[in-house]
Amino acid sequence: MNKSTKIYIAGHRGMVGSAVWRALEREGHTNLIGKTSKELDLRDQNKVLDFIEHERPEIIIDAAAKVGGILANNDNPYPFLMENLQIQNNLIDAAHKLDVSKFIFLGSSCIYPKYAAQPLKEEYLLTDSLEPTNQWYAIAKIAGVKACEAIRKQYDKDFVSLMPTNLYGPNDNFDLQSSHVLPAMIRKFHEAKENNHAPVMLWGSGTPMREFLHVDDLAEAVLFAVESNLPEHLYNVGMGTDITIKMLAETIQKTVGHQGEIHWDSTKPDGTPRKLMDSSKLEQLGWKYKIDLEEGILRTYGWYLKN
């Protein structure tokens, strides 16, 4: 493909979108466009349609979403469902109506059933019930996957969905009310270290297993999808290994240099017991992660300290 192909990255300021932008630039792509949420409200169907019609990108990467951890999802079910549906539907429909040649939809591993067999395969989608705390977000993302699949099936267009595992890295959200587990732990351990190595209180039992992927590795998967014609509509993107939340906490504690105690609040929810993804479909085509978890946490803590 041509390096001057016009590519629109929705959500280019977020953790995922900014990583995708960096990866494309590094590969020599020169015609990238992005709009902040103030410049373009992706929830407004007419504005999205006008923007795509005016700009005429050849590729759209949808990295825009309303996201958050267990607490944010549980407390705000309606916006997590409705705003995500609005954002993706407007982008997918405009891309279809205006004949955008490639659309890459980014979702999340939470689309899979709560008690699905591990590791999670793409075909497990819609085979059982979801994790209740983030079902609203999951249902929106499932609708996006199905919309891309339907367009691919009916119109033979190159619309593909990538489902990453838990992501972390530069430009992550470190707000304790709305962040995911890894950045929240980095902040908690750092602030406790600054406070004379005070004890750190963490949610749940520490027993759930989680898989984590550095956002730059996801960006490489998006780049791979941009430059390839992938034969199927849905691909998992992960490392293929997971650790307990307790082990994650100990790894972050060591990286940060916190020497106090860790306390677990077992009255708080654990979420899904395990979420390990089978990413072999994408790996067989030629993509594989490069950044291991310890190295990734070290880089992310370095970014946090600078920012």
C-alpha atoms as a PDB file:
ATOM      1  CA  MET A   1       0.000   0.000   0.000  1.00  0.00           C
ATOM      2  CA  ASN A   2       0.962   3.632  -0.542  1.00  0.00           C
ATOM      3  CA  LYS A   3       2.530   5.494   2.417  1.00  0.00           C
ATOM      4  CA  SER A   4       0.529   8.586   1.418  1.00  0.00           C
ATOM      5  CA  THR A   5      -2.831   6.762   1.740  1.00  0.00           C
ATOM      6  CA  LYS A   6      -5.114   8.951   3.856  1.00  0.00           C
ATOM      7  CA  ILE A   7      -5.810   7.270   7.215  1.00  0.00           C
ATOM      8  CA  TYR A   8      -8.247   8.657   9.791  1.00  0.00           C
ATOM      9  CA  ILE A   9      -7.594   7.539  13.383  1.00  0.00           C
ATOM     10  CA  ALA A  10     -10.680   8.102  15.547  1.00  0.00           C
ATOM     11  CA  GLY A  11      -9.579   8.627  19.156  1.00  0.00           C
ATOM     12  CA  HIS A  12      -6.024   9.594  18.142  1.00  0.00           C
ATOM     13  CA  ARG A  13      -5.326  11.302  21.480  1.00  0.00           C
ATOM     14  CA  GLY A  14      -6.162   8.249  23.625  1.00  0.00           C
ATOM     15  CA  MET A  15      -3.772   5.536  24.721  1.00  0.00           C
ATOM     16  CA  VAL A  16      -4.576   3.242  21.776  1.00  0.00           C
ATOM     17  CA  GLY A  17      -5.053   5.901  19.102  1.00  0.00           C
ATOM     18  CA  SER A  18      -1.826   7.729  19.974  1.00  0.00           C
ATOM     19  CA  ALA A  19       0.120   4.439  19.907  1.00  0.00           C
ATOM     20  CA  VAL A  20      -1.347   3.607  16.470  1.00  0.00           C
ATOM     21  CA  TRP A  21      -0.438   7.106  15.224  1.00  0.00           C
ATOM     22  CA  ARG A  22       3.174   6.651  16.427  1.00  0.00           C
ATOM     23  CA  ALA A  23       3.440   3.205  14.785  1.00  0.00           C
ATOM     24  CA  LEU A  24       2.103   4.455  11.427  1.00  0.00           C
ATOM     25  CA  GLU A  25       4.399   7.490  11.477  1.00  0.00           C
ATOM     26  CA  ARG A  26       7.375   5.291  12.307  1.00  0.00           C
ATOM     27  CA  GLU A  27       6.571   3.161   9.233  1.00  0.00           C
ATOM     28  CA  GLY A  28       6.569   6.273   7.044  1.00  0.00           C
ATOM     29  CA  HIS A  29       2.823   6.912   6.698  1.00  0.00           C
ATOM     30  CA  THR A  30       2.532  10.644   5.988  1.00  0.00           C
ATOM     31  CA  ASN A  31      -1.199  11.299   5.539  1.00  0.00           C
ATOM     32  CA  LEU A  32      -2.724  10.745   8.982  1.00  0.00           C
ATOM     33  CA  ILE A  33      -5.723  12.702  10.215  1.00  0.00           C
ATOM     34  CA  GLY A  34      -7.277  13.004  13.665  1.00  0.00           C
ATOM     35  CA  LYS A  35      -9.818  15.215  15.417  1.00  0.00           C
ATOM     36  CA  THR A  36     -10.212  15.840  19.137  1.00  0.00           C
ATOM     37  CA  SER A  37     -13.629  15.246  20.718  1.00  0.00           C
ATOM     38  CA  LYS A  38     -14.060  19.043  20.907  1.00  0.00           C
ATOM     39  CA  GLU A  39     -13.407  19.362  17.166  1.00  0.00           C
ATOM     40  CA  LEU A  40     -15.662  16.433  16.228  1.00  0.00           C
ATOM     41  CA  ASP A  41     -18.307  14.842  18.462  1.00  0.00           C
ATOM     42  CA  LEU A  42     -18.372  11.244  17.245  1.00  0.00           C
ATOM     43  CA  ARG A  43     -21.762  10.760  18.935  1.00  0.00           C
ATOM     44  CA  ASP A  44     -23.297  13.152  16.363  1.00  0.00           C
ATOM     45  CA  GLN A  45     -24.245  11.152  13.258  1.00  0.00           C
ATOM     46  CA  ASN A  46     -24.543  14.121  10.874  1.00  0.00           C
ATOM     47  CA  LYS A  47     -21.221  15.646  11.909  1.00  0.00           C
ATOM     48  CA  VAL A  48     -19.423  12.308  11.479  1.00  0.00           C
ATOM     49  CA  LEU A  49     -20.963  11.771   8.024  1.00  0.00           C
ATOM     50  CA  ASP A  50     -20.038  15.335   6.944  1.00  0.00           C
ATOM     51  CA  PHE A  51     -16.474  14.915   8.213  1.00  0.00           C
ATOM     52  CA  ILE A  52     -15.887  11.580   6.408  1.00  0.00           C
ATOM     53  CA  GLU A  53     -17.474  12.974   3.227  1.00  0.00           C
ATOM     54  CA  HIS A  54     -15.240  16.053   3.358  1.00  0.00           C
ATOM     55  CA  GLU A  55     -11.985  14.265   4.234  1.00  0.00           C
ATOM     56  CA  ARG A  56     -12.510  11.055   2.192  1.00  0.00           C
ATOM     57  CA  PRO A  57     -10.041   8.835   4.089  1.00  0.00           C
ATOM     58  CA  GLU A  58      -9.221   5.499   2.445  1.00  0.00           C
ATOM     59  CA  ILE A  59      -8.773   3.781   5.818  1.00  0.00           C
ATOM     60  CA  ILE A  60     -10.520   4.392   9.154  1.00  0.00           C
ATOM     61  CA  ILE A  61      -9.137   3.022  12.432  1.00  0.00           C
ATOM     62  CA  ASP A  62     -11.717   3.207  15.215  1.00  0.00           C
ATOM     63  CA  ALA A  63      -9.795   3.600  18.475  1.00  0.00           C
ATOM     64  CA  ALA A  64     -12.445   5.911  19.962  1.00  0.00           C
ATOM     65  CA  ALA A  65     -14.494   4.680  22.910  1.00  0.00           C
ATOM     66  CA  LYS A  66     -15.809   5.555  26.334  1.00  0.00           C
ATOM     67  CA  VAL A  67     -13.669   3.314  28.565  1.00  0.00           C
ATOM     68  CA  GLY A  68     -13.051   2.638  32.255  1.00  0.00           C
ATOM     69  CA  GLY A  69     -12.480  -0.021  34.893  1.00  0.00           C
ATOM     70  CA  ILE A  70     -14.943  -2.097  36.951  1.00  0.00           C
ATOM     71  CA  LEU A  71     -16.069   0.864  39.091  1.00  0.00           C
ATOM     72  CA  ALA A  72     -16.712   3.244  36.174  1.00  0.00           C
ATOM     73  CA  ASN A  73     -18.549   0.559  34.149  1.00  0.00           C
ATOM     74  CA  ASN A  74     -20.682  -0.525  37.106  1.00  0.00           C
ATOM     75  CA  ASP A  75     -21.668   3.027  38.105  1.00  0.00           C
ATOM     76  CA  ASN A  76     -22.372   4.367  34.578  1.00  0.00           C
ATOM     77  CA  PRO A  77     -24.116   1.609  32.614  1.00  0.00           C
ATOM     78  CA  TYR A  78     -26.137   3.819  30.252  1.00  0.00           C
ATOM     79  CA  PRO A  79     -23.319   6.009  28.852  1.00  0.00           C
ATOM     80  CA  PHE A  80     -21.026   2.968  28.550  1.00  0.00           C
ATOM     81  CA  LEU A  81     -23.672   1.293  26.405  1.00  0.00           C
ATOM     82  CA  MET A  82     -25.169   4.221  24.484  1.00  0.00           C
ATOM     83  CA  GLU A  83     -22.134   6.437  23.820  1.00  0.00           C
ATOM     84  CA  ASN A  84     -20.068   3.506  22.572  1.00  0.00           C
ATOM     85  CA  LEU A  85     -22.895   2.418  20.269  1.00  0.00           C
ATOM     86  CA  GLN A  86     -23.244   5.976  18.935  1.00  0.00           C
ATOM     87  CA  ILE A  87     -19.513   6.444  18.317  1.00  0.00           C
ATOM     88  CA  GLN A  88     -18.932   3.158  16.491  1.00  0.00           C
ATOM     89  CA  ASN A  89     -22.253   3.080  14.600  1.00  0.00           C
ATOM     90  CA  ASN A  90     -21.664   6.570  13.210  1.00  0.00           C
ATOM     91  CA  LEU A  91     -18.144   5.687  12.074  1.00  0.00           C
ATOM     92  CA  ILE A  92     -19.010   2.252  10.640  1.00  0.00           C
ATOM     93  CA  ASP A  93     -22.102   3.519   8.806  1.00  0.00           C
ATOM     94  CA  ALA A  94     -20.318   6.561   7.363  1.00  0.00           C
ATOM     95  CA  ALA A  95     -17.409   4.346   6.244  1.00  0.00           C
ATOM     96  CA  HIS A  96     -19.868   2.001   4.524  1.00  0.00           C
ATOM     97  CA  LYS A  97     -21.985   4.735   2.894  1.00  0.00           C
ATOM     98  CA  LEU A  98     -18.955   6.651   1.617  1.00  0.00           C
ATOM     99  CA  ASP A  99     -17.047   3.578   0.381  1.00  0.00           C
ATOM    100  CA  VAL A 100     -14.068   3.763   2.715  1.00  0.00           C
ATOM    101  CA  SER A 101     -11.893   0.875   1.503  1.00  0.00           C
ATOM    102  CA  LYS A 102     -10.743  -0.460   4.908  1.00  0.00           C
ATOM    103  CA  PHE A 103     -12.182  -0.167   8.411  1.00  0.00           C
ATOM    104  CA  ILE A 104     -10.411  -1.470  11.527  1.00  0.00           C
ATOM    105  CA  PHE A 105     -12.620  -1.738  14.609  1.00  0.00           C
ATOM    106  CA  LEU A 106     -10.955  -2.070  18.014  1.00  0.00           C
ATOM    107  CA  GLY A 107     -12.812  -3.771  20.843  1.00  0.00           C
ATOM    108  CA  SER A 108     -11.936  -5.604  24.021  1.00  0.00           C
ATOM    109  CA  SER A 109     -11.642  -9.113  25.456  1.00  0.00           C
ATOM    110  CA  CYS A 110     -14.712  -8.377  27.633  1.00  0.00           C
ATOM    111  CA  ILE A 111     -16.905  -9.282  24.625  1.00  0.00           C
ATOM    112  CA  TYR A 112     -16.422 -12.962  25.534  1.00  0.00           C
ATOM    113  CA  PRO A 113     -18.592 -14.845  28.053  1.00  0.00           C
ATOM    114  CA  LYS A 114     -17.630 -14.612  31.727  1.00  0.00           C
ATOM    115  CA  TYR A 115     -17.097 -18.377  32.122  1.00  0.00           C
ATOM    116  CA  ALA A 116     -15.894 -19.254  28.615  1.00  0.00           C
ATOM    117  CA  ALA A 117     -13.228 -21.956  28.272  1.00  0.00           C
ATOM    118  CA  GLN A 118      -9.641 -20.654  28.419  1.00  0.00           C
ATOM    119  CA  PRO A 119      -7.855 -19.472  26.390  1.00  0.00           C
ATOM    120  CA  LEU A 120     -10.600 -17.446  24.682  1.00  0.00           C
ATOM    121  CA  LYS A 121     -11.087 -18.234  21.002  1.00  0.00           C
ATOM    122  CA  GLU A 122     -12.891 -15.969  18.546  1.00  0.00           C
ATOM    123  CA  GLU A 123     -15.661 -18.559  18.053  1.00  0.00           C
ATOM    124  CA  TYR A 124     -16.675 -18.336  21.750  1.00  0.00           C
ATOM    125  CA  LEU A 125     -18.406 -14.996  21.078  1.00  0.00           C
ATOM    126  CA  LEU A 126     -22.106 -15.070  22.092  1.00  0.00           C
ATOM    127  CA  THR A 127     -21.989 -18.627  23.479  1.00  0.00           C
ATOM    128  CA  ASP A 128     -22.876 -17.652  27.105  1.00  0.00           C
ATOM    129  CA  SER A 129     -23.603 -14.708  29.442  1.00  0.00           C
ATOM    130  CA  LEU A 130     -21.244 -11.766  30.021  1.00  0.00           C
ATOM    131  CA  GLU A 131     -19.493 -10.421  33.128  1.00  0.00           C
ATOM    132  CA  PRO A 132     -22.289  -8.305  34.752  1.00  0.00           C
ATOM    133  CA  THR A 133     -20.071  -5.375  35.817  1.00  0.00           C
ATOM    134  CA  ASN A 134     -19.013  -4.447  32.273  1.00  0.00           C
ATOM    135  CA  GLN A 135     -21.757  -6.022  30.160  1.00  0.00           C
ATOM    136  CA  TRP A 136     -22.905  -2.581  28.926  1.00  0.00           C
ATOM    137  CA  TYR A 137     -19.548  -1.827  27.301  1.00  0.00           C
ATOM    138  CA  ALA A 138     -19.265  -5.425  26.077  1.00  0.00           C
ATOM    139  CA  ILE A 139     -22.672  -5.366  24.373  1.00  0.00           C
ATOM    140  CA  ALA A 140     -21.759  -2.163  22.530  1.00  0.00           C
ATOM    141  CA  LYS A 141     -18.487  -3.702  21.338  1.00  0.00           C
ATOM    142  CA  ILE A 142     -20.215  -6.939  20.279  1.00  0.00           C
ATOM    143  CA  ALA A 143     -22.605  -4.832  18.172  1.00  0.00           C
ATOM    144  CA  GLY A 144     -19.574  -3.211  16.497  1.00  0.00           C
ATOM    145  CA  VAL A 145     -17.999  -6.584  15.722  1.00  0.00           C
ATOM    146  CA  LYS A 146     -21.280  -7.830  14.265  1.00  0.00           C
ATOM    147  CA  ALA A 147     -21.790  -4.652  12.196  1.00  0.00           C
ATOM    148  CA  CYS A 148     -18.330  -5.066  10.629  1.00  0.00           C
ATOM    149  CA  GLU A 149     -18.999  -8.772  10.035  1.00  0.00           C
ATOM    150  CA  ALA A 150     -22.356  -7.978   8.395  1.00  0.00           C
ATOM    151  CA  ILE A 151     -20.818  -5.395   6.036  1.00  0.00           C
ATOM    152  CA  ARG A 152     -18.046  -7.838   5.157  1.00  0.00           C
ATOM    153  CA  LYS A 153     -20.557 -10.618   4.509  1.00  0.00           C
ATOM    154  CA  GLN A 154     -23.121  -8.600   2.546  1.00  0.00           C
ATOM    155  CA  TYR A 155     -20.882  -6.154   0.655  1.00  0.00           C
ATOM    156  CA  ASP A 156     -17.501  -7.943   0.657  1.00  0.00           C
ATOM    157  CA  LYS A 157     -15.728  -4.935   2.181  1.00  0.00           C
ATOM    158  CA  ASP A 158     -12.470  -5.069   4.154  1.00  0.00           C
ATOM    159  CA  PHE A 159     -13.955  -4.364   7.596  1.00  0.00           C
ATOM    160  CA  VAL A 160     -12.054  -6.181  10.363  1.00  0.00           C
ATOM    161  CA  SER A 161     -12.263  -6.273  14.187  1.00  0.00           C
ATOM    162  CA  LEU A 162      -9.261  -6.613  16.503  1.00  0.00           C
ATOM    163  CA  MET A 163      -9.979  -7.603  20.117  1.00  0.00           C
ATOM    164  CA  PRO A 164      -7.044  -6.764  22.385  1.00  0.00           C
ATOM    165  CA  THR A 165      -6.554  -8.137  25.856  1.00  0.00           C
ATOM    166  CA  ASN A 166      -6.011  -5.711  28.805  1.00  0.00           C
ATOM    167  CA  LEU A 167      -3.869  -2.854  27.521  1.00  0.00           C
ATOM    168  CA  TYR A 168      -1.445  -0.529  29.296  1.00  0.00           C
ATOM    169  CA  GLY A 169       1.331   1.895  28.381  1.00  0.00           C
ATOM    170  CA  PRO A 170       1.977   5.582  27.623  1.00  0.00           C
ATOM    171  CA  ASN A 171      -1.087   7.887  27.754  1.00  0.00           C
ATOM    172  CA  ASP A 172      -2.947   5.427  29.990  1.00  0.00           C
ATOM    173  CA  ASN A 173      -5.533   6.727  32.459  1.00  0.00           C
ATOM    174  CA  PHE A 174      -4.130   6.854  35.998  1.00  0.00           C
ATOM    175  CA  ASP A 175      -7.271   8.300  37.634  1.00  0.00           C
ATOM    176  CA  LEU A 176      -8.157   6.064  40.585  1.00  0.00           C
ATOM    177  CA  GLN A 177     -11.923   6.432  40.033  1.00  0.00           C
ATOM    178  CA  SER A 178     -11.970   5.398  36.366  1.00  0.00           C
ATOM    179  CA  SER A 179      -8.718   3.593  35.541  1.00  0.00           C
ATOM    180  CA  HIS A 180      -7.989  -0.057  34.859  1.00  0.00           C
ATOM    181  CA  VAL A 181      -6.098  -2.258  37.299  1.00  0.00           C
ATOM    182  CA  LEU A 182      -2.486  -1.876  36.092  1.00  0.00           C
ATOM    183  CA  PRO A 183      -2.258   1.952  35.909  1.00  0.00           C
ATOM    184  CA  ALA A 184      -4.241   2.240  39.161  1.00  0.00           C
ATOM    185  CA  MET A 185      -1.670   0.014  40.889  1.00  0.00           C
ATOM    186  CA  ILE A 186       1.243   2.044  39.501  1.00  0.00           C
ATOM    187  CA  ARG A 187      -0.246   5.202  40.960  1.00  0.00           C
ATOM    188  CA  LYS A 188      -1.189   3.602  44.292  1.00  0.00           C
ATOM    189  CA  PHE A 189       2.253   2.092  44.858  1.00  0.00           C
ATOM    190  CA  HIS A 190       4.027   5.288  43.776  1.00  0.00           C
ATOM    191  CA  GLU A 191       1.956   7.496  46.098  1.00  0.00           C
ATOM    192  CA  ALA A 192       2.395   5.017  48.980  1.00  0.00           C
ATOM    193  CA  LYS A 193       6.176   5.010  48.389  1.00  0.00           C
ATOM    194  CA  GLU A 194       6.193   8.831  48.538  1.00  0.00           C
ATOM    195  CA  ASN A 195       4.151   8.578  51.754  1.00  0.00           C
ATOM    196  CA  ASN A 196       6.867   6.725  53.730  1.00  0.00           C
ATOM    197  CA  HIS A 197       6.025   3.343  52.167  1.00  0.00           C
ATOM    198  CA  ALA A 198       2.466   3.359  53.572  1.00  0.00           C
ATOM    199  CA  PRO A 199       0.366   0.185  53.167  1.00  0.00           C
ATOM    200  CA  VAL A 200      -1.507  -0.201  49.879  1.00  0.00           C
ATOM    201  CA  MET A 201      -5.144  -1.367  49.786  1.00  0.00           C
ATOM    202  CA  LEU A 202      -6.145  -3.250  46.626  1.00  0.00           C
ATOM    203  CA  TRP A 203      -9.520  -4.503  45.417  1.00  0.00           C
ATOM    204  CA  GLY A 204     -10.682  -8.113  45.575  1.00  0.00           C
ATOM    205  CA  SER A 205      -8.842 -11.278  46.524  1.00  0.00           C
ATOM    206  CA  GLY A 206      -5.852 -11.035  44.149  1.00  0.00           C
ATOM    207  CA  THR A 207      -6.659 -14.482  42.710  1.00  0.00           C
ATOM    208  CA  PRO A 208      -8.150 -13.609  39.250  1.00  0.00           C
ATOM    209  CA  MET A 209      -5.830 -14.217  36.314  1.00  0.00           C
ATOM    210  CA  ARG A 210      -5.259 -11.455  33.769  1.00  0.00           C
ATOM    211  CA  GLU A 211      -3.321 -11.085  30.538  1.00  0.00           C
ATOM    212  CA  PHE A 212      -1.744  -7.728  29.688  1.00  0.00           C
ATOM    213  CA  LEU A 213      -0.454  -6.327  26.399  1.00  0.00           C
ATOM    214  CA  HIS A 214       1.652  -3.202  25.933  1.00  0.00           C
ATOM    215  CA  VAL A 215      -0.246  -0.743  23.750  1.00  0.00           C
ATOM    216  CA  ASP A 216       2.708  -0.454  21.326  1.00  0.00           C
ATOM    217  CA  ASP A 217       2.299  -4.171  20.564  1.00  0.00           C
ATOM    218  CA  LEU A 218      -1.394  -3.605  19.775  1.00  0.00           C
ATOM    219  CA  ALA A 219      -0.361  -0.696  17.532  1.00  0.00           C
ATOM    220  CA  GLU A 220       1.902  -3.103  15.618  1.00  0.00           C
ATOM    221  CA  ALA A 221      -1.108  -5.435  15.178  1.00  0.00           C
ATOM    222  CA  VAL A 222      -3.142  -2.507  13.784  1.00  0.00           C
ATOM    223  CA  LEU A 223      -0.273  -1.660  11.432  1.00  0.00           C
ATOM    224  CA  PHE A 224      -0.239  -5.308  10.351  1.00  0.00           C
ATOM    225  CA  ALA A 225      -4.002  -5.122   9.645  1.00  0.00           C
ATOM    226  CA  VAL A 226      -3.550  -1.863   7.701  1.00  0.00           C
ATOM    227  CA  GLU A 227      -0.898  -3.386   5.453  1.00  0.00           C
ATOM    228  CA  SER A 228      -2.541  -6.839   5.022  1.00  0.00           C
ATOM    229  CA  ASN A 229      -5.815  -8.225   3.731  1.00  0.00           C
ATOM    230  CA  LEU A 230      -6.853 -10.345   6.685  1.00  0.00           C
ATOM    231  CA  PRO A 231      -9.006 -13.316   5.624  1.00  0.00           C
ATOM    232  CA  GLU A 232     -11.449 -13.277   8.584  1.00  0.00           C
ATOM    233  CA  HIS A 233     -13.522 -10.606  10.340  1.00  0.00           C
ATOM    234  CA  LEU A 234     -12.364 -11.066  13.976  1.00  0.00           C
ATOM    235  CA  TYR A 235      -8.931 -11.513  15.580  1.00  0.00           C
ATOM    236  CA  ASN A 236      -7.780 -11.662  19.190  1.00  0.00           C
ATOM    237  CA  VAL A 237      -4.649  -9.676  20.076  1.00  0.00           C
ATOM    238  CA  GLY A 238      -2.750 -10.735  23.200  1.00  0.00           C
ATOM    239  CA  MET A 239       0.439 -12.219  24.656  1.00  0.00           C
ATOM    240  CA  GLY A 240      -0.929 -15.713  25.294  1.00  0.00           C
ATOM    241  CA  THR A 241       0.206 -15.760  28.952  1.00  0.00           C
ATOM    242  CA  ASP A 242      -1.458 -14.421  32.100  1.00  0.00           C
ATOM    243  CA  ILE A 243      -0.645 -13.809  35.777  1.00  0.00           C
ATOM    244  CA  THR A 244      -2.673 -13.429  38.977  1.00  0.00           C
ATOM    245  CA  ILE A 245      -3.593  -9.919  40.120  1.00  0.00           C
ATOM    246  CA  LYS A 246      -1.512 -10.657  43.246  1.00  0.00           C
ATOM    247  CA  MET A 247       1.569 -11.389  41.092  1.00  0.00           C
ATOM    248  CA  LEU A 248       0.879  -8.232  39.079  1.00  0.00           C
ATOM    249  CA  ALA A 249       0.750  -6.196  42.295  1.00  0.00           C
ATOM    250  CA  GLU A 250       4.063  -7.663  43.495  1.00  0.00           C
ATOM    251  CA  THR A 251       5.717  -6.973  40.113  1.00  0.00           C
ATOM    252  CA  ILE A 252       4.536  -3.337  40.138  1.00  0.00           C
ATOM    253  CA  GLN A 253       5.506  -2.930  43.811  1.00  0.00           C
ATOM    254  CA  LYS A 254       9.040  -4.115  42.982  1.00  0.00           C
ATOM    255  CA  THR A 255       9.293  -1.881  39.883  1.00  0.00           C
ATOM    256  CA  VAL A 256       8.111   1.198  41.800  1.00  0.00           C
ATOM    257  CA  GLY A 257      10.314   0.426  44.843  1.00  0.00           C
ATOM    258  CA  HIS A 258       7.501   0.415  47.418  1.00  0.00           C
ATOM    259  CA  GLN A 259       8.479  -1.453  50.596  1.00  0.00           C
ATOM    260  CA  GLY A 260       5.222  -1.334  52.603  1.00  0.00           C
ATOM    261  CA  GLU A 261       2.468  -3.910  53.039  1.00  0.00           C
ATOM    262  CA  ILE A 262      -0.253  -4.903  50.576  1.00  0.00           C
ATOM    263  CA  HIS A 263      -3.793  -5.365  51.940  1.00  0.00           C
ATOM    264  CA  TRP A 264      -6.616  -6.962  49.927  1.00  0.00           C
ATOM    265  CA  ASP A 265     -10.229  -5.745  50.299  1.00  0.00           C
ATOM    266  CA  SER A 266     -12.180  -8.948  49.660  1.00  0.00           C
ATOM    267  CA  THR A 267     -15.520  -7.097  49.948  1.00  0.00           C
ATOM    268  CA  LYS A 268     -14.776  -5.585  46.502  1.00  0.00           C
ATOM    269  CA  PRO A 269     -15.568  -7.503  43.283  1.00  0.00           C
ATOM    270  CA  ASP A 270     -12.958  -9.580  41.470  1.00  0.00           C
ATOM    271  CA  GLY A 271     -14.625  -9.469  38.054  1.00  0.00           C
ATOM    272  CA  THR A 272     -14.152 -12.373  35.647  1.00  0.00           C
ATOM    273  CA  PRO A 273     -12.006 -15.163  37.218  1.00  0.00           C
ATOM    274  CA  ARG A 274      -9.775 -15.543  34.172  1.00  0.00           C
ATOM    275  CA  LYS A 275      -9.411 -13.867  30.783  1.00  0.00           C
ATOM    276  CA  LEU A 276      -6.638 -15.375  28.678  1.00  0.00           C
ATOM    277  CA  MET A 277      -6.887 -14.929  24.925  1.00  0.00           C
ATOM    278  CA  ASP A 278      -5.944 -17.306  22.155  1.00  0.00           C
ATOM    279  CA  SER A 279      -4.227 -15.023  19.624  1.00  0.00           C
ATOM    280  CA  SER A 280      -2.950 -17.855  17.436  1.00  0.00           C
ATOM    281  CA  LYS A 281      -5.060 -16.832  14.393  1.00  0.00           C
ATOM    282  CA  LEU A 282      -3.255 -13.496  14.080  1.00  0.00           C
ATOM    283  CA  GLU A 283       0.120 -15.007  15.045  1.00  0.00           C
ATOM    284  CA  GLN A 284      -0.166 -17.599  12.256  1.00  0.00           C
ATOM    285  CA  LEU A 285      -0.562 -14.719   9.796  1.00  0.00           C
ATOM    286  CA  GLY A 286       2.630 -13.049  11.038  1.00  0.00           C
ATOM    287  CA  TRP A 287       2.024 -10.750  14.038  1.00  0.00           C
ATOM    288  CA  LYS A 288       3.475 -11.421  17.500  1.00  0.00           C
ATOM    289  CA  TYR A 289       3.980  -9.310  20.622  1.00  0.00           C
ATOM    290  CA  LYS A 290       7.504  -8.046  21.450  1.00  0.00           C
ATOM    291  CA  ILE A 291       7.338  -6.327  24.877  1.00  0.00           C
ATOM    292  CA  ASP A 292       7.226  -8.628  27.912  1.00  0.00           C
ATOM    293  CA  LEU A 293       5.283  -7.568  31.005  1.00  0.00           C
ATOM    294  CA  GLU A 294       8.174  -6.585  33.312  1.00  0.00           C
ATOM    295  CA  GLU A 295       9.780  -4.453  30.591  1.00  0.00           C
ATOM    296  CA  GLY A 296       6.395  -2.922  29.748  1.00  0.00           C
ATOM    297  CA  ILE A 297       5.638  -2.012  33.385  1.00  0.00           C
ATOM    298  CA  LEU A 298       9.103  -0.443  33.725  1.00  0.00           C
ATOM    299  CA  ARG A 299       8.514   1.683  30.593  1.00  0.00           C
ATOM    300  CA  THR A 300       5.019   2.667  31.746  1.00  0.00           C
ATOM    301  CA  TYR A 301       6.228   3.695  35.205  1.00  0.00           C
ATOM    302  CA  GLY A 302       8.939   5.777  33.531  1.00  0.00           C
ATOM    303  CA  TRP A 303       6.266   7.483  31.411  1.00  0.00           C
ATOM    304  CA  TYR A 304       4.112   8.071  34.500  1.00  0.00           C
ATOM    305  CA  LEU A 305       6.999   9.755  36.356  1.00  0.00           C
ATOM    306  CA  LYS A 306       7.713  12.058  33.384  1.00  0.00           C
ATOM    307  CA  ASN A 307       4.067  12.995  32.906  1.00  0.00           C
END
